[in-house]
């Protein structure tokens, strides 16, 4: 599980493009999270790889 938090470079304010609640609502409307545990694990593994790759691209982290 990944917590979505703010820092000085990634502020997720209400009403902004990256508003956490709006983003989560959009995910639910798109069928996320998956309906069964196996599909959830598969998507979580893929998301983990994308997350790790994104961290490599951020300088000074």
PDB file of N, CA and C in Angstrom:
ATOM      1  N   UNK A   1       0.848  -1.163   0.000  1.00  0.00           N
ATOM      2  CA  UNK A   1       0.000   0.000   0.000  1.00  0.00           C
ATOM      3  C   UNK A   1       0.897   1.231   0.000  1.00  0.00           C
ATOM      4  N   UNK A   2       0.504   2.214  -0.772  1.00  0.00           N
ATOM      5  CA  UNK A   2       1.243   3.465  -0.858  1.00  0.00           C
ATOM      6  C   UNK A   2       0.353   4.570  -0.322  1.00  0.00           C
ATOM      7  N   UNK A   3       0.886   5.385   0.554  1.00  0.00           N
ATOM      8  CA  UNK A   3       0.148   6.548   1.052  1.00  0.00           C
ATOM      9  C   UNK A   3       0.405   7.724   0.129  1.00  0.00           C
ATOM     10  N   UNK A   4      -0.616   8.444  -0.177  1.00  0.00           N
ATOM     11  CA  UNK A   4      -0.495   9.595  -1.055  1.00  0.00           C
ATOM     12  C   UNK A   4      -0.464  10.829  -0.166  1.00  0.00           C
ATOM     13  N   UNK A   5       0.703  11.414  -0.026  1.00  0.00           N
ATOM     14  CA  UNK A   5       0.873  12.541   0.885  1.00  0.00           C
ATOM     15  C   UNK A   5       1.419  13.757   0.147  1.00  0.00           C
ATOM     16  N   UNK A   6       1.361  14.882   0.816  1.00  0.00           N
ATOM     17  CA  UNK A   6       1.911  16.122   0.277  1.00  0.00           C
ATOM     18  C   UNK A   6       3.359  16.288   0.709  1.00  0.00           C
ATOM     19  N   UNK A   7       4.123  16.934  -0.129  1.00  0.00           N
ATOM     20  CA  UNK A   7       5.413  17.474   0.261  1.00  0.00           C
ATOM     21  C   UNK A   7       5.564  18.803  -0.464  1.00  0.00           C
ATOM     22  N   UNK A   8       6.683  19.455  -0.321  1.00  0.00           N
ATOM     23  CA  UNK A   8       6.827  20.787  -0.909  1.00  0.00           C
ATOM     24  C   UNK A   8       6.817  20.795  -2.431  1.00  0.00           C
ATOM     25  N   UNK A   9       6.954  19.624  -3.065  1.00  0.00           N
ATOM     26  CA  UNK A   9       6.981  19.553  -4.526  1.00  0.00           C
ATOM     27  C   UNK A   9       5.711  18.951  -5.126  1.00  0.00           C
ATOM     28  N   UNK A  10       4.874  18.319  -4.306  1.00  0.00           N
ATOM     29  CA  UNK A  10       3.696  17.619  -4.833  1.00  0.00           C
ATOM     30  C   UNK A  10       2.445  17.925  -4.016  1.00  0.00           C
ATOM     31  N   UNK A  11       2.106  19.179  -3.876  1.00  0.00           N
ATOM     32  CA  UNK A  11       0.928  19.571  -3.121  1.00  0.00           C
ATOM     33  C   UNK A  11      -0.338  19.133  -3.852  1.00  0.00           C
ATOM     34  N   UNK A  12      -1.206  18.423  -3.152  1.00  0.00           N
ATOM     35  CA  UNK A  12      -2.444  17.923  -3.733  1.00  0.00           C
ATOM     36  C   UNK A  12      -3.621  18.640  -3.059  1.00  0.00           C
ATOM     37  N   UNK A  13      -3.878  19.852  -3.498  1.00  0.00           N
ATOM     38  CA  UNK A  13      -4.899  20.690  -2.883  1.00  0.00           C
ATOM     39  C   UNK A  13      -6.284  20.361  -3.427  1.00  0.00           C
ATOM     40  N   UNK A  14      -7.298  20.619  -2.596  1.00  0.00           N
ATOM     41  CA  UNK A  14      -8.680  20.425  -3.030  1.00  0.00           C
ATOM     42  C   UNK A  14      -8.949  21.269  -4.261  1.00  0.00           C
ATOM     43  N   UNK A  15      -9.578  20.664  -5.253  1.00  0.00           N
ATOM     44  CA  UNK A  15      -9.928  21.367  -6.468  1.00  0.00           C
ATOM     45  C   UNK A  15      -8.812  21.458  -7.491  1.00  0.00           C
ATOM     46  N   UNK A  16      -7.607  21.024  -7.123  1.00  0.00           N
ATOM     47  CA  UNK A  16      -6.492  21.075  -8.069  1.00  0.00           C
ATOM     48  C   UNK A  16      -6.550  19.875  -9.007  1.00  0.00           C
ATOM     49  N   UNK A  17      -5.716  19.904 -10.023  1.00  0.00           N
ATOM     50  CA  UNK A  17      -5.654  18.799 -10.983  1.00  0.00           C
ATOM     51  C   UNK A  17      -5.272  17.489 -10.291  1.00  0.00           C
ATOM     52  N   UNK A  18      -4.508  17.581  -9.206  1.00  0.00           N
ATOM     53  CA  UNK A  18      -4.040  16.384  -8.499  1.00  0.00           C
ATOM     54  C   UNK A  18      -4.782  16.152  -7.182  1.00  0.00           C
ATOM     55  N   UNK A  19      -5.966  16.730  -7.028  1.00  0.00           N
ATOM     56  CA  UNK A  19      -6.780  16.528  -5.831  1.00  0.00           C
ATOM     57  C   UNK A  19      -6.958  15.026  -5.597  1.00  0.00           C
ATOM     58  N   UNK A  20      -6.530  14.553  -4.440  1.00  0.00           N
ATOM     59  CA  UNK A  20      -6.553  13.116  -4.150  1.00  0.00           C
ATOM     60  C   UNK A  20      -7.964  12.534  -4.216  1.00  0.00           C
ATOM     61  N   UNK A  21      -8.956  13.256  -3.719  1.00  0.00           N
ATOM     62  CA  UNK A  21     -10.324  12.736  -3.731  1.00  0.00           C
ATOM     63  C   UNK A  21     -10.874  12.646  -5.155  1.00  0.00           C
ATOM     64  N   UNK A  22     -10.601  13.663  -5.967  1.00  0.00           N
ATOM     65  CA  UNK A  22     -11.056  13.636  -7.359  1.00  0.00           C
ATOM     66  C   UNK A  22     -10.351  12.527  -8.134  1.00  0.00           C
ATOM     67  N   UNK A  23      -9.071  12.350  -7.864  1.00  0.00           N
ATOM     68  CA  UNK A  23      -8.315  11.288  -8.528  1.00  0.00           C
ATOM     69  C   UNK A  23      -8.873   9.922  -8.152  1.00  0.00           C
ATOM     70  N   UNK A  24      -9.139   9.700  -6.855  1.00  0.00           N
ATOM     71  CA  UNK A  24      -9.678   8.422  -6.401  1.00  0.00           C
ATOM     72  C   UNK A  24     -11.070   8.184  -6.988  1.00  0.00           C
ATOM     73  N   UNK A  25     -11.894   9.224  -7.039  1.00  0.00           N
ATOM     74  CA  UNK A  25     -13.227   9.091  -7.640  1.00  0.00           C
ATOM     75  C   UNK A  25     -13.111   8.651  -9.095  1.00  0.00           C
ATOM     76  N   UNK A  26     -12.181   9.263  -9.825  1.00  0.00           N
ATOM     77  CA  UNK A  26     -11.964   8.883 -11.218  1.00  0.00           C
ATOM     78  C   UNK A  26     -11.513   7.442 -11.356  1.00  0.00           C
ATOM     79  N   UNK A  27     -10.670   7.003 -10.424  1.00  0.00           N
ATOM     80  CA  UNK A  27     -10.217   5.610 -10.452  1.00  0.00           C
ATOM     81  C   UNK A  27     -11.402   4.666 -10.251  1.00  0.00           C
ATOM     82  N   UNK A  28     -12.274   4.979  -9.300  1.00  0.00           N
ATOM     83  CA  UNK A  28     -13.450   4.136  -9.063  1.00  0.00           C
ATOM     84  C   UNK A  28     -14.348   4.095 -10.294  1.00  0.00           C
ATOM     85  N   UNK A  29     -14.521   5.240 -10.937  1.00  0.00           N
ATOM     86  CA  UNK A  29     -15.353   5.298 -12.140  1.00  0.00           C
ATOM     87  C   UNK A  29     -14.744   4.507 -13.292  1.00  0.00           C
ATOM     88  N   UNK A  30     -13.425   4.344 -13.282  1.00  0.00           N
ATOM     89  CA  UNK A  30     -12.732   3.581 -14.324  1.00  0.00           C
ATOM     90  C   UNK A  30     -12.592   2.093 -13.988  1.00  0.00           C
ATOM     91  N   UNK A  31     -13.233   1.656 -12.887  1.00  0.00           N
ATOM     92  CA  UNK A  31     -13.196   0.239 -12.544  1.00  0.00           C
ATOM     93  C   UNK A  31     -12.078  -0.161 -11.601  1.00  0.00           C
ATOM     94  N   UNK A  32     -11.468   0.788 -10.949  1.00  0.00           N
ATOM     95  CA  UNK A  32     -10.432   0.487  -9.953  1.00  0.00           C
ATOM     96  C   UNK A  32     -10.982   0.758  -8.575  1.00  0.00           C
ATOM     97  N   UNK A  33     -10.727  -0.023  -7.593  1.00  0.00           N
ATOM     98  CA  UNK A  33      -9.890  -1.215  -7.647  1.00  0.00           C
ATOM     99  C   UNK A  33     -10.611  -2.363  -8.343  1.00  0.00           C
ATOM    100  N   UNK A  34      -9.840  -3.356  -8.770  1.00  0.00           N
ATOM    101  CA  UNK A  34     -10.422  -4.526  -9.445  1.00  0.00           C
ATOM    102  C   UNK A  34     -11.422  -5.263  -8.554  1.00  0.00           C
ATOM    103  N   UNK A  35     -12.209  -6.120  -9.184  1.00  0.00           N
ATOM    104  CA  UNK A  35     -13.266  -6.834  -8.477  1.00  0.00           C
ATOM    105  C   UNK A  35     -12.808  -8.061  -7.708  1.00  0.00           C
ATOM    106  N   UNK A  36     -11.603  -8.581  -7.995  1.00  0.00           N
ATOM    107  CA  UNK A  36     -11.171  -9.770  -7.262  1.00  0.00           C
ATOM    108  C   UNK A  36      -9.718  -9.622  -6.818  1.00  0.00           C
ATOM    109  N   UNK A  37      -9.327 -10.442  -5.860  1.00  0.00           N
ATOM    110  CA  UNK A  37      -8.021 -10.306  -5.226  1.00  0.00           C
ATOM    111  C   UNK A  37      -6.872 -10.571  -6.190  1.00  0.00           C
ATOM    112  N   UNK A  38      -7.002 -11.569  -7.050  1.00  0.00           N
ATOM    113  CA  UNK A  38      -5.921 -11.865  -7.999  1.00  0.00           C
ATOM    114  C   UNK A  38      -5.668 -10.688  -8.940  1.00  0.00           C
ATOM    115  N   UNK A  39      -6.738 -10.075  -9.422  1.00  0.00           N
ATOM    116  CA  UNK A  39      -6.587  -8.910 -10.297  1.00  0.00           C
ATOM    117  C   UNK A  39      -5.989  -7.731  -9.532  1.00  0.00           C
ATOM    118  N   UNK A  40      -6.378  -7.590  -8.269  1.00  0.00           N
ATOM    119  CA  UNK A  40      -5.823  -6.526  -7.435  1.00  0.00           C
ATOM    120  C   UNK A  40      -4.320  -6.710  -7.247  1.00  0.00           C
ATOM    121  N   UNK A  41      -3.882  -7.931  -6.959  1.00  0.00           N
ATOM    122  CA  UNK A  41      -2.451  -8.204  -6.800  1.00  0.00           C
ATOM    123  C   UNK A  41      -1.683  -7.921  -8.086  1.00  0.00           C
ATOM    124  N   UNK A  42      -2.253  -8.308  -9.210  1.00  0.00           N
ATOM    125  CA  UNK A  42      -1.596  -8.076 -10.499  1.00  0.00           C
ATOM    126  C   UNK A  42      -1.432  -6.576 -10.759  1.00  0.00           C
ATOM    127  N   UNK A  43      -2.483  -5.812 -10.520  1.00  0.00           N
ATOM    128  CA  UNK A  43      -2.402  -4.366 -10.732  1.00  0.00           C
ATOM    129  C   UNK A  43      -1.470  -3.706  -9.727  1.00  0.00           C
ATOM    130  N   UNK A  44      -1.465  -4.190  -8.488  1.00  0.00           N
ATOM    131  CA  UNK A  44      -0.574  -3.619  -7.475  1.00  0.00           C
ATOM    132  C   UNK A  44       0.884  -3.853  -7.840  1.00  0.00           C
ATOM    133  N   UNK A  45       1.198  -5.025  -8.361  1.00  0.00           N
ATOM    134  CA  UNK A  45       2.577  -5.319  -8.765  1.00  0.00           C
ATOM    135  C   UNK A  45       3.004  -4.409  -9.908  1.00  0.00           C
ATOM    136  N   UNK A  46       2.122  -4.186 -10.864  1.00  0.00           N
ATOM    137  CA  UNK A  46       2.444  -3.296 -11.983  1.00  0.00           C
ATOM    138  C   UNK A  46       2.601  -1.858 -11.496  1.00  0.00           C
ATOM    139  N   UNK A  47       1.740  -1.446 -10.580  1.00  0.00           N
ATOM    140  CA  UNK A  47       1.833  -0.086 -10.041  1.00  0.00           C
ATOM    141  C   UNK A  47       3.120   0.094  -9.252  1.00  0.00           C
ATOM    142  N   UNK A  48       3.534  -0.943  -8.534  1.00  0.00           N
ATOM    143  CA  UNK A  48       4.779  -0.872  -7.764  1.00  0.00           C
ATOM    144  C   UNK A  48       5.971  -0.635  -8.689  1.00  0.00           C
ATOM    145  N   UNK A  49       5.986  -1.336  -9.804  1.00  0.00           N
ATOM    146  CA  UNK A  49       7.082  -1.154 -10.762  1.00  0.00           C
ATOM    147  C   UNK A  49       7.078   0.262 -11.331  1.00  0.00           C
ATOM    148  N   UNK A  50       5.891   0.782 -11.666  1.00  0.00           N
ATOM    149  CA  UNK A  50       5.800   2.154 -12.184  1.00  0.00           C
ATOM    150  C   UNK A  50       6.240   3.159 -11.125  1.00  0.00           C
ATOM    151  N   UNK A  51       5.862   2.918  -9.873  1.00  0.00           N
ATOM    152  CA  UNK A  51       6.222   3.820  -8.783  1.00  0.00           C
ATOM    153  C   UNK A  51       7.735   3.846  -8.574  1.00  0.00           C
ATOM    154  N   UNK A  52       8.349   2.674  -8.539  1.00  0.00           N
ATOM    155  CA  UNK A  52       9.806   2.602  -8.379  1.00  0.00           C
ATOM    156  C   UNK A  52      10.511   3.333  -9.516  1.00  0.00           C
ATOM    157  N   UNK A  53      10.028   3.151 -10.736  1.00  0.00           N
ATOM    158  CA  UNK A  53      10.636   3.816 -11.889  1.00  0.00           C
ATOM    159  C   UNK A  53      10.478   5.327 -11.786  1.00  0.00           C
ATOM    160  N   UNK A  54       9.331   5.781 -11.310  1.00  0.00           N
ATOM    161  CA  UNK A  54       9.118   7.226 -11.188  1.00  0.00           C
ATOM    162  C   UNK A  54      10.032   7.835 -10.136  1.00  0.00           C
ATOM    163  N   UNK A  55      10.338   7.090  -9.081  1.00  0.00           N
ATOM    164  CA  UNK A  55      11.249   7.599  -8.057  1.00  0.00           C
ATOM    165  C   UNK A  55      12.657   7.782  -8.604  1.00  0.00           C
ATOM    166  N   UNK A  56      13.056   6.913  -9.504  1.00  0.00           N
ATOM    167  CA  UNK A  56      14.383   7.022 -10.102  1.00  0.00           C
ATOM    168  C   UNK A  56      14.508   8.292 -10.936  1.00  0.00           C
ATOM    169  N   UNK A  57      13.403   8.773 -11.468  1.00  0.00           N
ATOM    170  CA  UNK A  57      13.424   9.942 -12.345  1.00  0.00           C
ATOM    171  C   UNK A  57      13.406  11.267 -11.582  1.00  0.00           C
ATOM    172  N   UNK A  58      13.123  11.222 -10.274  1.00  0.00           N
ATOM    173  CA  UNK A  58      13.025  12.449  -9.483  1.00  0.00           C
ATOM    174  C   UNK A  58      14.379  12.760  -8.859  1.00  0.00           C
ATOM    175  N   UNK A  59      14.952  13.922  -9.200  1.00  0.00           N
ATOM    176  CA  UNK A  59      16.247  14.274  -8.611  1.00  0.00           C
ATOM    177  C   UNK A  59      16.112  14.608  -7.124  1.00  0.00           C
ATOM    178  N   UNK A  60      17.177  14.402  -6.400  1.00  0.00           N
ATOM    179  CA  UNK A  60      17.257  14.761  -4.975  1.00  0.00           C
ATOM    180  C   UNK A  60      16.268  14.013  -4.096  1.00  0.00           C
ATOM    181  N   UNK A  61      15.938  12.809  -4.419  1.00  0.00           N
ATOM    182  CA  UNK A  61      15.047  12.011  -3.568  1.00  0.00           C
ATOM    183  C   UNK A  61      15.786  10.829  -3.059  1.00  0.00           C
TER     184      UNK A  61
END
